């Protein structure tokens, strides 16, 4: 398996797109401070609609401990 940067990610209307470890996911690089489990991170995503218009989506997401998340998986 090899990681590679995507320039964009298609989000088909009416369909769920899951970002998961080991699959398509977001990687935050160049952080000024380490993220701590139990904290949160603010993200701003730019989404381009089918009409070509840009929409900004602001999210506040929890920071999880990936080691605990992996231990709890039952694939």
Protein backbone atom coordinates (compact mmCIF):
# COMPACT_ATOMS: atom_id res chain seq x y z
CA UNK A 1 0.00 0.00 0.00
CA UNK A 2 1.27 3.46 -0.89
CA UNK A 3 -0.06 6.82 0.22
CA UNK A 4 -0.52 9.53 -2.35
CA UNK A 5 -1.96 13.00 -2.28
CA UNK A 6 -5.26 13.60 -4.06
CA UNK A 7 -5.96 16.96 -5.66
CA UNK A 8 -9.67 16.45 -5.09
CA UNK A 9 -12.16 13.93 -3.74
CA UNK A 10 -15.46 13.28 -5.48
CA UNK A 11 -18.50 13.52 -3.21
CA UNK A 12 -21.40 12.08 -5.23
CA UNK A 13 -24.79 13.59 -4.39
CA UNK A 14 -26.88 11.40 -2.10
CA UNK A 15 -24.02 9.01 -1.35
CA UNK A 16 -21.97 8.61 1.81
CA UNK A 17 -18.22 9.02 1.52
CA UNK A 18 -16.31 7.65 4.50
CA UNK A 19 -12.82 8.74 5.43
CA UNK A 20 -11.19 5.87 7.32
CA UNK A 21 -7.75 4.76 8.49
CA UNK A 22 -6.21 2.47 5.89
CA UNK A 23 -8.44 3.95 3.19
CA UNK A 24 -9.15 7.44 1.98
CA UNK A 25 -8.41 9.82 4.85
CA UNK A 26 -7.21 13.31 5.68
CA UNK A 27 -3.64 13.79 6.80
CA UNK A 28 -2.76 17.03 8.53
CA UNK A 29 0.83 18.09 7.84
CA UNK A 30 2.88 21.04 8.99
CA UNK A 31 1.04 21.47 12.28
CA UNK A 32 2.45 24.12 14.61
CA UNK A 33 1.45 22.12 17.72
CA UNK A 34 0.79 18.39 18.26
CA UNK A 35 -2.84 17.29 18.40
CA UNK A 36 -3.88 15.74 21.70
CA UNK A 37 -6.48 12.97 22.05
CA UNK A 38 -9.62 14.42 23.61
CA UNK A 39 -9.05 17.82 22.00
CA UNK A 40 -10.52 19.09 18.76
CA UNK A 41 -9.35 20.49 15.46
CA UNK A 42 -11.03 23.11 13.28
CA UNK A 43 -11.11 22.35 9.55
CA UNK A 44 -12.29 24.45 6.66
CA UNK A 45 -13.09 22.53 3.48
CA UNK A 46 -13.85 24.05 0.12
CA UNK A 47 -16.49 22.08 -1.78
CA UNK A 48 -17.23 22.73 -5.43
CA UNK A 49 -20.85 21.94 -6.22
CA UNK A 50 -22.19 20.46 -9.46
CA UNK A 51 -23.06 24.05 -10.43
CA UNK A 52 -19.35 24.98 -10.21
CA UNK A 53 -19.89 27.27 -7.21
CA UNK A 54 -17.56 27.02 -4.23
CA UNK A 55 -18.97 26.44 -0.77
CA UNK A 56 -16.92 26.59 2.42
CA UNK A 57 -17.76 24.01 5.09
CA UNK A 58 -16.37 24.59 8.57
CA UNK A 59 -16.00 21.61 10.88
CA UNK A 60 -14.86 21.09 14.46
CA UNK A 61 -13.78 17.48 14.82
CA UNK A 62 -12.64 15.50 17.86
CA UNK A 63 -9.05 14.28 18.05
CA UNK A 64 -9.04 10.54 18.70
CA UNK A 65 -6.18 8.30 19.79
CA UNK A 66 -5.57 6.22 16.65
CA UNK A 67 -4.01 3.41 18.72
CA UNK A 68 -7.25 2.99 20.67
CA UNK A 69 -9.35 3.21 17.51
CA UNK A 70 -7.27 0.46 15.84
CA UNK A 71 -7.51 -1.79 18.92
CA UNK A 72 -11.30 -1.56 18.87
CA UNK A 73 -11.72 -2.52 15.21
CA UNK A 74 -13.18 -5.91 14.31
CA UNK A 75 -12.50 -6.19 10.56
